[in-house]
């Protein structure tokens, strides 16, 4: 048998670039995925802590607590209260909260 020279067929670089190139302005682009966290909750807590804003916390069982936020973390808030013991509130136990009028 004779050895046959075989030439590999490869696409040119321009063809590959056209396949990979991002869509042009006229074509539809997918919307980017929104971030998992907006950090709005953290911003709100920091703002209330710095201003020492009097807050009202309404718990899931209907009880209301008054105080200021001293610090917070992923799962709880530390609330300072006047004339009463300070509390550590778990976030899931808070129904809602608002600024005291």
Protein backbone atom coordinates (compact mmCIF):
# COMPACT_ATOMS: atom_id res chain seq x y z
CA UNK A 1 0.00 0.00 0.00
CA UNK A 2 1.11 3.49 -0.74
CA UNK A 3 1.16 6.18 1.91
CA UNK A 4 -1.36 8.85 1.09
CA UNK A 5 -0.88 12.45 2.20
CA UNK A 6 -4.06 13.54 3.87
CA UNK A 7 -4.75 17.17 4.56
CA UNK A 8 -6.74 18.04 7.69
CA UNK A 9 -9.70 20.26 7.03
CA UNK A 10 -9.90 22.97 9.65
CA UNK A 11 -12.21 25.97 9.79
CA UNK A 12 -10.51 29.33 9.43
CA UNK A 13 -10.13 31.57 12.51
CA UNK A 14 -12.61 34.06 11.04
CA UNK A 15 -15.32 31.39 10.92
CA UNK A 16 -14.70 30.51 14.59
CA UNK A 17 -14.76 34.17 15.65
CA UNK A 18 -18.10 34.69 13.89
CA UNK A 19 -19.62 31.76 15.77
CA UNK A 20 -18.36 33.00 19.16
CA UNK A 21 -18.89 36.75 18.57
CA UNK A 22 -21.48 38.51 20.80
CA UNK A 23 -24.74 39.51 19.12
CA UNK A 24 -24.81 42.80 17.32
CA UNK A 25 -27.00 45.72 18.42
CA UNK A 26 -29.88 44.72 16.15
CA UNK A 27 -30.15 41.26 17.67
CA UNK A 28 -31.92 40.41 20.95
CA UNK A 29 -29.76 40.01 24.04
CA UNK A 30 -30.79 38.12 27.17
CA UNK A 31 -31.38 40.16 30.28
CA UNK A 32 -28.72 39.69 32.95
CA UNK A 33 -29.73 37.63 35.97
CA UNK A 34 -30.62 39.87 38.94
CA UNK A 35 -28.31 39.66 41.97
CA UNK A 36 -29.22 37.31 44.81
CA UNK A 37 -29.05 40.12 47.37
CA UNK A 38 -29.74 43.82 47.04
CA UNK A 39 -28.36 44.70 50.49
CA UNK A 40 -31.40 46.93 51.09
CA UNK A 41 -32.07 45.26 54.44
CA UNK A 42 -28.47 45.87 55.59
CA UNK A 43 -28.61 49.49 54.43
CA UNK A 44 -31.84 50.05 56.39
CA UNK A 45 -30.44 48.55 59.60
CA UNK A 46 -27.22 50.58 59.40
CA UNK A 47 -29.18 53.78 58.77
CA UNK A 48 -31.45 53.18 61.81
CA UNK A 49 -28.48 52.20 64.03
CA UNK A 50 -26.49 55.32 63.16
CA UNK A 51 -29.47 57.63 63.75
CA UNK A 52 -30.49 55.69 66.91
CA UNK A 53 -34.04 55.80 65.61
CA UNK A 54 -36.70 54.65 68.10
CA UNK A 55 -38.38 51.61 66.52
CA UNK A 56 -41.48 49.52 67.19
CA UNK A 57 -41.17 45.77 66.61
CA UNK A 58 -44.36 43.75 66.16
CA UNK A 59 -43.75 40.06 66.76
CA UNK A 60 -45.60 37.15 65.15
CA UNK A 61 -47.58 36.52 68.34
CA UNK A 62 -48.84 40.15 68.34
CA UNK A 63 -46.56 41.48 71.10
CA UNK A 64 -45.03 44.92 70.45
CA UNK A 65 -41.60 46.00 71.63
CA UNK A 66 -40.07 49.48 71.63
CA UNK A 67 -36.35 50.23 71.37
CA UNK A 68 -33.40 51.05 69.16
CA UNK A 69 -31.30 48.66 67.10
CA UNK A 70 -27.80 48.28 68.56
CA UNK A 71 -26.47 45.69 66.12
CA UNK A 72 -27.65 42.99 63.75
CA UNK A 73 -26.36 39.89 61.99
CA UNK A 74 -27.70 37.32 59.57
CA UNK A 75 -30.38 35.93 61.89
CA UNK A 76 -31.03 38.40 64.74
CA UNK A 77 -31.21 42.00 66.01
CA UNK A 78 -30.08 43.35 69.36
CA UNK A 79 -32.61 45.86 70.64
CA UNK A 80 -31.80 48.37 73.39
CA UNK A 81 -34.79 49.38 75.49
CA UNK A 82 -35.16 52.22 78.02
CA UNK A 83 -35.82 51.04 81.56
CA UNK A 84 -36.16 47.41 80.45
CA UNK A 85 -33.68 44.64 79.64
CA UNK A 86 -32.10 44.62 76.20
CA UNK A 87 -33.32 41.86 73.87
CA UNK A 88 -31.95 39.65 71.15
CA UNK A 89 -34.72 39.23 68.57
CA UNK A 90 -34.59 36.49 65.97
CA UNK A 91 -35.57 37.89 62.59
CA UNK A 92 -38.09 35.11 61.84
CA UNK A 93 -40.01 36.08 65.02
CA UNK A 94 -40.52 39.67 63.78
CA UNK A 95 -43.73 40.20 61.84
CA UNK A 96 -42.89 43.80 60.92
CA UNK A 97 -41.24 46.91 62.33
CA UNK A 98 -41.57 50.64 61.86
CA UNK A 99 -40.19 53.93 63.13
CA UNK A 100 -41.83 55.14 66.32
CA UNK A 101 -43.81 58.33 65.73
